[in-house]
Amino acid sequence: MKRDIIKIDEEKCTGCGKCIPGCPEGALQVIDGKARLISDLFCDGLGACLKDCPEDAMTIEQREAEPYDEYKVMENVVKAGENVIKVHLKHLDEHGEKTFLAQAIDYLNKNNIKVPEYKEKLPCGCPGTMQKTINRDRKPAAESNVSVQAELNNWPIQLQLVNPNASFFDNADLVISADCVPFAHANFHQKFLKNKVLIMFCPKLDKVIDMYVDKLAQIFESQNIQSVTLLHMEVPCCGGVEVVVKRALEKANKTMVIKDYTISMSGEVL
């Protein structure tokens, strides 16, 4: 069957092993000085390990591969202890893999292994779900008749609704942003949008990531895109914006320099 699966560029890989902890399923090992995918059965293709690679040696490709087997994966996971079980269950839950999550819990129950509280908000959990009050030191603003100009140049902007053949993509400088960025960064329009075309999506909550990859790939293939600017929040799950765009460029067989901006929860450009 064809499915998404990790691909490792051996020329780029230095064998540092930083990708290994990001794969609780046990699909990766460092062998002969290189990271290796040891079994298609263990790779879920969700790409949690991609952001851990400092050499950008890991991508996701679609190819013929053995079906992912959650029960075989759990045989590996439980050997590593409760913390790894928790990380694995949380990983499946956050990516909306409800079928695999149910199979994992079924495996634990059948083997009389306690199901850990994988949804709890621990320091090692996703900061994007943690409640936070942002305190600001505000100074009284002087009265002014100056209004801020909106710089939005296209509609629609949500990736699910965008037509890849829309005329506004021709020769466009493209801004691809996570949904939360414009609310966090006060100067979003003036700093990032002027004379550009905007696309937005949420890499954590949207459940059509493969469709997003296909649609962006179609835009890159059929339109003469001049530049790409990525905008995402500082929370780890928001890094999926970069993963989706890189997958789309690879699928479209395009190479492009990307400007990548990270925005803090207090609205600063990091």
C-alpha atoms as a PDB file:
ATOM      1  CA  MET A   1       0.000   0.000   0.000  1.00  0.00           C
ATOM      2  CA  LYS A   2       1.082   3.618  -0.561  1.00  0.00           C
ATOM      3  CA  ARG A   3       1.351   5.791   2.530  1.00  0.00           C
ATOM      4  CA  ASP A   4       3.363   8.596   4.127  1.00  0.00           C
ATOM      5  CA  ILE A   5       6.611   7.431   5.675  1.00  0.00           C
ATOM      6  CA  ILE A   6       9.887   8.948   6.871  1.00  0.00           C
ATOM      7  CA  LYS A   7      12.746   9.361   4.383  1.00  0.00           C
ATOM      8  CA  ILE A   8      16.324   9.983   5.583  1.00  0.00           C
ATOM      9  CA  ASP A   9      18.916  11.701   3.408  1.00  0.00           C
ATOM     10  CA  GLU A  10      22.083   9.774   4.271  1.00  0.00           C
ATOM     11  CA  GLU A  11      24.346  12.489   2.836  1.00  0.00           C
ATOM     12  CA  LYS A  12      22.903  15.094   5.209  1.00  0.00           C
ATOM     13  CA  CYS A  13      22.556  12.800   8.241  1.00  0.00           C
ATOM     14  CA  THR A  14      25.443  13.089  10.716  1.00  0.00           C
ATOM     15  CA  GLY A  15      24.242  10.303  13.014  1.00  0.00           C
ATOM     16  CA  CYS A  16      23.761  12.710  15.949  1.00  0.00           C
ATOM     17  CA  GLY A  17      20.757  10.694  17.177  1.00  0.00           C
ATOM     18  CA  LYS A  18      18.636  13.736  18.109  1.00  0.00           C
ATOM     19  CA  CYS A  19      15.728  12.295  16.128  1.00  0.00           C
ATOM     20  CA  ILE A  20      15.576   9.094  18.191  1.00  0.00           C
ATOM     21  CA  PRO A  21      13.716  10.476  21.281  1.00  0.00           C
ATOM     22  CA  GLY A  22      11.120  12.020  18.945  1.00  0.00           C
ATOM     23  CA  CYS A  23      10.095   8.541  17.776  1.00  0.00           C
ATOM     24  CA  PRO A  24       8.604   6.650  20.745  1.00  0.00           C
ATOM     25  CA  GLU A  25       7.349   4.064  18.256  1.00  0.00           C
ATOM     26  CA  GLY A  26      10.936   2.789  17.895  1.00  0.00           C
ATOM     27  CA  ALA A  27      11.098   3.137  14.101  1.00  0.00           C
ATOM     28  CA  LEU A  28      14.484   4.893  14.167  1.00  0.00           C
ATOM     29  CA  GLN A  29      17.926   3.733  15.251  1.00  0.00           C
ATOM     30  CA  VAL A  30      21.466   5.005  14.645  1.00  0.00           C
ATOM     31  CA  ILE A  31      23.312   2.244  12.793  1.00  0.00           C
ATOM     32  CA  ASP A  32      26.809   2.583  11.305  1.00  0.00           C
ATOM     33  CA  GLY A  33      26.818   6.299  12.079  1.00  0.00           C
ATOM     34  CA  LYS A  34      23.524   7.117  10.337  1.00  0.00           C
ATOM     35  CA  ALA A  35      19.899   7.327  11.446  1.00  0.00           C
ATOM     36  CA  ARG A  36      17.971   4.455   9.887  1.00  0.00           C
ATOM     37  CA  LEU A  37      14.294   3.590   9.515  1.00  0.00           C
ATOM     38  CA  ILE A  38      14.421   0.038  10.815  1.00  0.00           C
ATOM     39  CA  SER A  39      10.861  -1.000   9.937  1.00  0.00           C
ATOM     40  CA  ASP A  40       7.993   0.401   7.887  1.00  0.00           C
ATOM     41  CA  LEU A  41       5.662  -1.287  10.363  1.00  0.00           C
ATOM     42  CA  PHE A  42       6.749   1.082  13.142  1.00  0.00           C
ATOM     43  CA  CYS A  43       6.659   4.412  11.226  1.00  0.00           C
ATOM     44  CA  ASP A  44       3.316   6.226  11.460  1.00  0.00           C
ATOM     45  CA  GLY A  45       4.347   8.886   8.933  1.00  0.00           C
ATOM     46  CA  LEU A  46       3.196  11.777  11.136  1.00  0.00           C
ATOM     47  CA  GLY A  47       6.662  13.339  11.222  1.00  0.00           C
ATOM     48  CA  ALA A  48       7.128  14.088  14.928  1.00  0.00           C
ATOM     49  CA  CYS A  49      10.871  13.494  14.493  1.00  0.00           C
ATOM     50  CA  LEU A  50      11.389  15.993  11.652  1.00  0.00           C
ATOM     51  CA  LYS A  51      11.778  19.060  13.869  1.00  0.00           C
ATOM     52  CA  ASP A  52      14.450  17.302  15.951  1.00  0.00           C
ATOM     53  CA  CYS A  53      16.865  16.922  13.033  1.00  0.00           C
ATOM     54  CA  PRO A  54      19.415  19.797  13.022  1.00  0.00           C
ATOM     55  CA  GLU A  55      20.635  18.869   9.522  1.00  0.00           C
ATOM     56  CA  ASP A  56      17.203  18.891   7.810  1.00  0.00           C
ATOM     57  CA  ALA A  57      17.967  15.329   6.701  1.00  0.00           C
ATOM     58  CA  MET A  58      14.460  13.985   7.301  1.00  0.00           C
ATOM     59  CA  THR A  59      11.395  14.404   5.121  1.00  0.00           C
ATOM     60  CA  ILE A  60       8.118  12.584   4.554  1.00  0.00           C
ATOM     61  CA  GLU A  61       7.524  10.783   1.289  1.00  0.00           C
ATOM     62  CA  GLN A  62       4.616   8.755  -0.026  1.00  0.00           C
ATOM     63  CA  ARG A  63       5.678   5.318  -1.205  1.00  0.00           C
ATOM     64  CA  GLU A  64       4.826   1.656  -1.137  1.00  0.00           C
ATOM     65  CA  ALA A  65       5.267   0.491   2.464  1.00  0.00           C
ATOM     66  CA  GLU A  66       3.990  -2.127   4.847  1.00  0.00           C
ATOM     67  CA  PRO A  67       0.888  -0.941   6.722  1.00  0.00           C
ATOM     68  CA  TYR A  68       1.631   0.698  10.073  1.00  0.00           C
ATOM     69  CA  ASP A  69       0.875  -1.814  12.842  1.00  0.00           C
ATOM     70  CA  GLU A  70      -0.094  -0.244  16.178  1.00  0.00           C
ATOM     71  CA  TYR A  71      -0.068  -3.543  18.062  1.00  0.00           C
ATOM     72  CA  LYS A  72       3.524  -4.302  16.983  1.00  0.00           C
ATOM     73  CA  VAL A  73       4.502  -0.736  17.843  1.00  0.00           C
ATOM     74  CA  MET A  74       3.061  -1.141  21.334  1.00  0.00           C
ATOM     75  CA  GLU A  75       5.244  -4.201  21.889  1.00  0.00           C
ATOM     76  CA  ASN A  76       8.219  -1.832  21.508  1.00  0.00           C
ATOM     77  CA  VAL A  77       6.710   1.087  23.376  1.00  0.00           C
ATOM     78  CA  VAL A  78       5.814  -0.774  26.587  1.00  0.00           C
ATOM     79  CA  LYS A  79       9.391  -2.043  26.950  1.00  0.00           C
ATOM     80  CA  ALA A  80      10.542   1.567  27.361  1.00  0.00           C
ATOM     81  CA  GLY A  81       8.288   2.260  30.346  1.00  0.00           C
ATOM     82  CA  GLU A  82       5.365   4.448  31.372  1.00  0.00           C
ATOM     83  CA  ASN A  83       6.807   7.794  30.232  1.00  0.00           C
ATOM     84  CA  VAL A  84       7.329   6.557  26.672  1.00  0.00           C
ATOM     85  CA  ILE A  85       3.830   5.026  26.659  1.00  0.00           C
ATOM     86  CA  LYS A  86       2.449   8.409  27.713  1.00  0.00           C
ATOM     87  CA  VAL A  87       4.377  10.254  24.978  1.00  0.00           C
ATOM     88  CA  HIS A  88       3.164   7.784  22.351  1.00  0.00           C
ATOM     89  CA  LEU A  89      -0.494   8.024  23.376  1.00  0.00           C
ATOM     90  CA  LYS A  90      -0.285  11.826  23.499  1.00  0.00           C
ATOM     91  CA  HIS A  91       1.323  11.857  20.056  1.00  0.00           C
ATOM     92  CA  LEU A  92      -1.530   9.812  18.559  1.00  0.00           C
ATOM     93  CA  ASP A  93      -4.171  11.911  20.315  1.00  0.00           C
ATOM     94  CA  GLU A  94      -2.747  15.268  19.195  1.00  0.00           C
ATOM     95  CA  HIS A  95      -2.596  14.105  15.567  1.00  0.00           C
ATOM     96  CA  GLY A  96      -6.210  12.894  15.625  1.00  0.00           C
ATOM     97  CA  GLU A  97      -5.264   9.233  15.095  1.00  0.00           C
ATOM     98  CA  LYS A  98      -8.258   7.940  17.029  1.00  0.00           C
ATOM     99  CA  THR A  99      -8.183   4.429  15.532  1.00  0.00           C
ATOM    100  CA  PHE A 100      -4.521   3.864  16.415  1.00  0.00           C
ATOM    101  CA  LEU A 101      -5.084   5.420  19.853  1.00  0.00           C
ATOM    102  CA  ALA A 102      -7.935   2.995  20.520  1.00  0.00           C
ATOM    103  CA  GLN A 103      -5.738   0.082  19.406  1.00  0.00           C
ATOM    104  CA  ALA A 104      -2.909   1.227  21.698  1.00  0.00           C
ATOM    105  CA  ILE A 105      -5.232   1.445  24.692  1.00  0.00           C
ATOM    106  CA  ASP A 106      -6.718  -1.927  23.767  1.00  0.00           C
ATOM    107  CA  TYR A 107      -3.214  -3.435  23.777  1.00  0.00           C
ATOM    108  CA  LEU A 108      -2.533  -2.007  27.233  1.00  0.00           C
ATOM    109  CA  ASN A 109      -5.829  -3.275  28.624  1.00  0.00           C
ATOM    110  CA  LYS A 110      -5.353  -6.756  27.163  1.00  0.00           C
ATOM    111  CA  ASN A 111      -1.906  -6.978  28.731  1.00  0.00           C
ATOM    112  CA  ASN A 112      -3.016  -5.595  32.107  1.00  0.00           C
ATOM    113  CA  ILE A 113      -0.850  -2.489  31.731  1.00  0.00           C
ATOM    114  CA  LYS A 114      -2.102   0.732  33.283  1.00  0.00           C
ATOM    115  CA  VAL A 115      -3.166   3.402  30.781  1.00  0.00           C
ATOM    116  CA  PRO A 116      -1.318   6.591  31.833  1.00  0.00           C
ATOM    117  CA  GLU A 117      -2.979  10.012  31.955  1.00  0.00           C
ATOM    118  CA  TYR A 118      -1.634  11.152  28.606  1.00  0.00           C
ATOM    119  CA  LYS A 119      -3.881  14.239  28.392  1.00  0.00           C
ATOM    120  CA  GLU A 120      -2.576  15.868  31.565  1.00  0.00           C
ATOM    121  CA  LYS A 121      -0.761  19.202  31.270  1.00  0.00           C
ATOM    122  CA  LEU A 122       2.788  18.455  32.311  1.00  0.00           C
ATOM    123  CA  PRO A 123       5.836  20.691  31.781  1.00  0.00           C
ATOM    124  CA  CYS A 124       6.883  18.285  29.028  1.00  0.00           C
ATOM    125  CA  GLY A 125       3.473  18.538  27.371  1.00  0.00           C
ATOM    126  CA  CYS A 126       2.454  20.895  24.590  1.00  0.00           C
ATOM    127  CA  PRO A 127       2.794  24.546  25.711  1.00  0.00           C
ATOM    128  CA  GLY A 128       0.154  25.476  23.150  1.00  0.00           C
ATOM    129  CA  THR A 129      -2.584  23.972  25.326  1.00  0.00           C
ATOM    130  CA  MET A 130      -1.472  25.532  28.609  1.00  0.00           C
ATOM    131  CA  GLN A 131      -3.504  28.433  29.972  1.00  0.00           C
ATOM    132  CA  LYS A 132      -1.576  31.666  30.282  1.00  0.00           C
ATOM    133  CA  THR A 133      -2.416  35.266  31.114  1.00  0.00           C
ATOM    134  CA  ILE A 134      -0.253  37.730  29.201  1.00  0.00           C
ATOM    135  CA  ASN A 135       0.371  40.817  31.315  1.00  0.00           C
ATOM    136  CA  ARG A 136       1.301  43.974  29.432  1.00  0.00           C
ATOM    137  CA  ASP A 137       2.660  47.267  30.722  1.00  0.00           C
ATOM    138  CA  ARG A 138       0.423  49.650  28.817  1.00  0.00           C
ATOM    139  CA  LYS A 139       0.993  53.383  28.536  1.00  0.00           C
ATOM    140  CA  PRO A 140      -1.839  55.783  27.681  1.00  0.00           C
ATOM    141  CA  ALA A 141      -1.842  56.392  23.941  1.00  0.00           C
ATOM    142  CA  ALA A 142      -2.067  59.898  22.568  1.00  0.00           C
ATOM    143  CA  GLU A 143      -5.230  60.654  20.623  1.00  0.00           C
ATOM    144  CA  SER A 144      -4.727  60.407  16.887  1.00  0.00           C
ATOM    145  CA  ASN A 145      -6.845  60.512  13.743  1.00  0.00           C
ATOM    146  CA  VAL A 146      -4.434  58.210  11.922  1.00  0.00           C
ATOM    147  CA  SER A 147      -6.007  54.868  10.983  1.00  0.00           C
ATOM    148  CA  VAL A 148      -4.102  51.676  10.241  1.00  0.00           C
ATOM    149  CA  GLN A 149      -4.474  50.482   6.675  1.00  0.00           C
ATOM    150  CA  ALA A 150      -5.493  46.858   6.052  1.00  0.00           C
ATOM    151  CA  GLU A 151      -3.111  45.084   3.670  1.00  0.00           C
ATOM    152  CA  LEU A 152      -5.144  41.953   2.858  1.00  0.00           C
ATOM    153  CA  ASN A 153      -5.075  41.470  -0.923  1.00  0.00           C
ATOM    154  CA  ASN A 154      -6.907  38.193  -1.532  1.00  0.00           C
ATOM    155  CA  TRP A 155      -9.943  36.160  -0.492  1.00  0.00           C
ATOM    156  CA  PRO A 156     -10.463  33.460   0.646  1.00  0.00           C
ATOM    157  CA  ILE A 157      -7.441  33.011   2.886  1.00  0.00           C
ATOM    158  CA  GLN A 158      -8.157  29.660   4.600  1.00  0.00           C
ATOM    159  CA  LEU A 159      -6.286  26.885   2.815  1.00  0.00           C
ATOM    160  CA  GLN A 160      -9.342  24.610   2.823  1.00  0.00           C
ATOM    161  CA  LEU A 161     -11.233  27.189   0.736  1.00  0.00           C
ATOM    162  CA  VAL A 162      -8.471  28.441  -1.562  1.00  0.00           C
ATOM    163  CA  ASN A 163      -8.590  27.582  -5.278  1.00  0.00           C
ATOM    164  CA  PRO A 164      -5.029  26.610  -6.359  1.00  0.00           C
ATOM    165  CA  ASN A 165      -5.755  28.122  -9.783  1.00  0.00           C
ATOM    166  CA  ALA A 166      -6.823  31.523  -8.424  1.00  0.00           C
ATOM    167  CA  SER A 167      -5.398  34.383 -10.483  1.00  0.00           C
ATOM    168  CA  PHE A 168      -4.004  36.164  -7.415  1.00  0.00           C
ATOM    169  CA  PHE A 169      -1.351  33.429  -7.089  1.00  0.00           C
ATOM    170  CA  ASP A 170       0.289  34.378 -10.398  1.00  0.00           C
ATOM    171  CA  ASN A 171       3.748  35.872  -9.660  1.00  0.00           C
ATOM    172  CA  ALA A 172       2.743  36.129  -5.986  1.00  0.00           C
ATOM    173  CA  ASP A 173       4.882  36.635  -2.924  1.00  0.00           C
ATOM    174  CA  LEU A 174       3.190  34.118  -0.646  1.00  0.00           C
ATOM    175  CA  VAL A 175       2.651  34.387   3.114  1.00  0.00           C
ATOM    176  CA  ILE A 176       1.698  31.080   4.765  1.00  0.00           C
ATOM    177  CA  SER A 177       0.624  31.657   8.356  1.00  0.00           C
ATOM    178  CA  ALA A 178      -0.664  29.651  11.295  1.00  0.00           C
ATOM    179  CA  ASP A 179      -4.130  30.839  12.345  1.00  0.00           C
ATOM    180  CA  CYS A 180      -3.040  32.378  15.669  1.00  0.00           C
ATOM    181  CA  VAL A 181      -0.244  34.612  14.345  1.00  0.00           C
ATOM    182  CA  PRO A 182      -2.336  37.634  13.250  1.00  0.00           C
ATOM    183  CA  PHE A 183      -3.953  37.778  16.696  1.00  0.00           C
ATOM    184  CA  ALA A 184      -0.635  37.591  18.532  1.00  0.00           C
ATOM    185  CA  HIS A 185       1.420  39.997  16.387  1.00  0.00           C
ATOM    186  CA  ALA A 186      -0.081  43.503  16.421  1.00  0.00           C
ATOM    187  CA  ASN A 187       1.760  44.687  13.294  1.00  0.00           C
ATOM    188  CA  PHE A 188       0.891  41.651  11.166  1.00  0.00           C
ATOM    189  CA  HIS A 189      -0.630  43.603   8.249  1.00  0.00           C
ATOM    190  CA  GLN A 190       2.078  46.234   7.970  1.00  0.00           C
ATOM    191  CA  LYS A 191       5.097  43.980   8.569  1.00  0.00           C
ATOM    192  CA  PHE A 192       4.112  40.849   6.656  1.00  0.00           C
ATOM    193  CA  LEU A 193       1.122  41.361   4.320  1.00  0.00           C
ATOM    194  CA  LYS A 194       1.857  44.395   2.152  1.00  0.00           C
ATOM    195  CA  ASN A 195       1.770  43.413  -1.546  1.00  0.00           C
ATOM    196  CA  LYS A 196       1.592  39.714  -0.622  1.00  0.00           C
ATOM    197  CA  VAL A 197      -0.935  36.871  -0.900  1.00  0.00           C
ATOM    198  CA  LEU A 198      -2.051  35.189   2.331  1.00  0.00           C
ATOM    199  CA  ILE A 199      -2.830  31.533   3.117  1.00  0.00           C
ATOM    200  CA  MET A 200      -3.741  30.387   6.637  1.00  0.00           C
ATOM    201  CA  PHE A 201      -4.291  27.065   8.409  1.00  0.00           C
ATOM    202  CA  CYS A 202      -3.796  25.362  11.780  1.00  0.00           C
ATOM    203  CA  PRO A 203      -1.323  22.447  11.714  1.00  0.00           C
ATOM    204  CA  LYS A 204      -2.606  21.109  15.057  1.00  0.00           C
ATOM    205  CA  LEU A 205      -6.406  21.284  14.830  1.00  0.00           C
ATOM    206  CA  ASP A 206      -7.092  20.912  11.101  1.00  0.00           C
ATOM    207  CA  LYS A 207      -7.565  17.249  10.200  1.00  0.00           C
ATOM    208  CA  VAL A 208      -6.886  17.485   6.460  1.00  0.00           C
ATOM    209  CA  ILE A 209      -3.109  17.893   6.440  1.00  0.00           C
ATOM    210  CA  ASP A 210      -2.570  15.550   3.481  1.00  0.00           C
ATOM    211  CA  MET A 211      -5.062  17.601   1.468  1.00  0.00           C
ATOM    212  CA  TYR A 212      -3.146  20.759   2.440  1.00  0.00           C
ATOM    213  CA  VAL A 213       0.093  19.218   1.155  1.00  0.00           C
ATOM    214  CA  ASP A 214      -1.593  18.318  -2.145  1.00  0.00           C
ATOM    215  CA  LYS A 215      -3.182  21.758  -2.551  1.00  0.00           C
ATOM    216  CA  LEU A 216       0.023  23.662  -1.799  1.00  0.00           C
ATOM    217  CA  ALA A 217       1.951  21.353  -4.131  1.00  0.00           C
ATOM    218  CA  GLN A 218      -0.550  22.202  -6.881  1.00  0.00           C
ATOM    219  CA  ILE A 219      -0.036  25.934  -6.227  1.00  0.00           C
ATOM    220  CA  PHE A 220       3.751  25.551  -6.394  1.00  0.00           C
ATOM    221  CA  GLU A 221       3.486  23.489  -9.596  1.00  0.00           C
ATOM    222  CA  SER A 222       0.973  25.604 -11.520  1.00  0.00           C
ATOM    223  CA  GLN A 223       1.757  29.134 -10.314  1.00  0.00           C
ATOM    224  CA  ASN A 224       4.903  31.225 -10.597  1.00  0.00           C
ATOM    225  CA  ILE A 225       5.415  31.849  -6.880  1.00  0.00           C
ATOM    226  CA  GLN A 226       8.126  34.455  -6.297  1.00  0.00           C
ATOM    227  CA  SER A 227       8.757  33.971  -2.576  1.00  0.00           C
ATOM    228  CA  VAL A 228       7.432  32.173   0.504  1.00  0.00           C
ATOM    229  CA  THR A 229       7.245  33.590   4.024  1.00  0.00           C
ATOM    230  CA  LEU A 230       6.266  31.246   6.863  1.00  0.00           C
ATOM    231  CA  LEU A 231       4.752  32.511  10.123  1.00  0.00           C
ATOM    232  CA  HIS A 232       4.061  30.307  13.133  1.00  0.00           C
ATOM    233  CA  MET A 233       3.794  30.576  16.894  1.00  0.00           C
ATOM    234  CA  GLU A 234       6.566  29.539  19.291  1.00  0.00           C
ATOM    235  CA  VAL A 235       4.636  26.484  20.570  1.00  0.00           C
ATOM    236  CA  PRO A 236       6.018  23.179  19.176  1.00  0.00           C
ATOM    237  CA  CYS A 237       2.826  22.009  17.458  1.00  0.00           C
ATOM    238  CA  CYS A 238       2.844  25.155  15.299  1.00  0.00           C
ATOM    239  CA  GLY A 239       6.062  23.973  13.678  1.00  0.00           C
ATOM    240  CA  GLY A 240       3.821  21.766  11.539  1.00  0.00           C
ATOM    241  CA  VAL A 241       3.404  24.758   9.198  1.00  0.00           C
ATOM    242  CA  GLU A 242       6.995  24.308   8.066  1.00  0.00           C
ATOM    243  CA  VAL A 243       6.582  20.537   7.721  1.00  0.00           C
ATOM    244  CA  VAL A 244       3.507  20.900   5.486  1.00  0.00           C
ATOM    245  CA  VAL A 245       5.175  23.471   3.222  1.00  0.00           C
ATOM    246  CA  LYS A 246       8.370  21.416   2.859  1.00  0.00           C
ATOM    247  CA  ARG A 247       6.332  18.320   1.993  1.00  0.00           C
ATOM    248  CA  ALA A 248       4.421  20.321  -0.622  1.00  0.00           C
ATOM    249  CA  LEU A 249       7.607  21.699  -2.196  1.00  0.00           C
ATOM    250  CA  GLU A 250       9.080  18.202  -2.326  1.00  0.00           C
ATOM    251  CA  LYS A 251       5.923  16.829  -3.932  1.00  0.00           C
ATOM    252  CA  ALA A 252       5.963  19.658  -6.478  1.00  0.00           C
ATOM    253  CA  ASN A 253       9.686  19.040  -7.090  1.00  0.00           C
ATOM    254  CA  LYS A 254      10.389  22.707  -6.351  1.00  0.00           C
ATOM    255  CA  THR A 255      13.271  24.338  -4.504  1.00  0.00           C
ATOM    256  CA  MET A 256      12.668  27.716  -2.893  1.00  0.00           C
ATOM    257  CA  VAL A 257      14.268  29.891  -0.225  1.00  0.00           C
ATOM    258  CA  ILE A 258      11.834  30.264   2.684  1.00  0.00           C
ATOM    259  CA  LYS A 259      11.734  33.142   5.157  1.00  0.00           C
ATOM    260  CA  ASP A 260      10.658  31.589   8.460  1.00  0.00           C
ATOM    261  CA  TYR A 261       9.407  33.744  11.368  1.00  0.00           C
ATOM    262  CA  THR A 262       8.477  32.535  14.854  1.00  0.00           C
ATOM    263  CA  ILE A 263       6.098  34.677  16.926  1.00  0.00           C
ATOM    264  CA  SER A 264       6.035  34.537  20.717  1.00  0.00           C
ATOM    265  CA  MET A 265       2.771  34.341  22.666  1.00  0.00           C
ATOM    266  CA  SER A 266       3.343  37.945  23.727  1.00  0.00           C
ATOM    267  CA  GLY A 267       3.525  38.978  20.065  1.00  0.00           C
ATOM    268  CA  GLU A 268       7.246  39.461  19.526  1.00  0.00           C
ATOM    269  CA  VAL A 269       9.158  38.255  16.465  1.00  0.00           C
ATOM    270  CA  LEU A 270      11.715  35.781  17.821  1.00  0.00           C
END
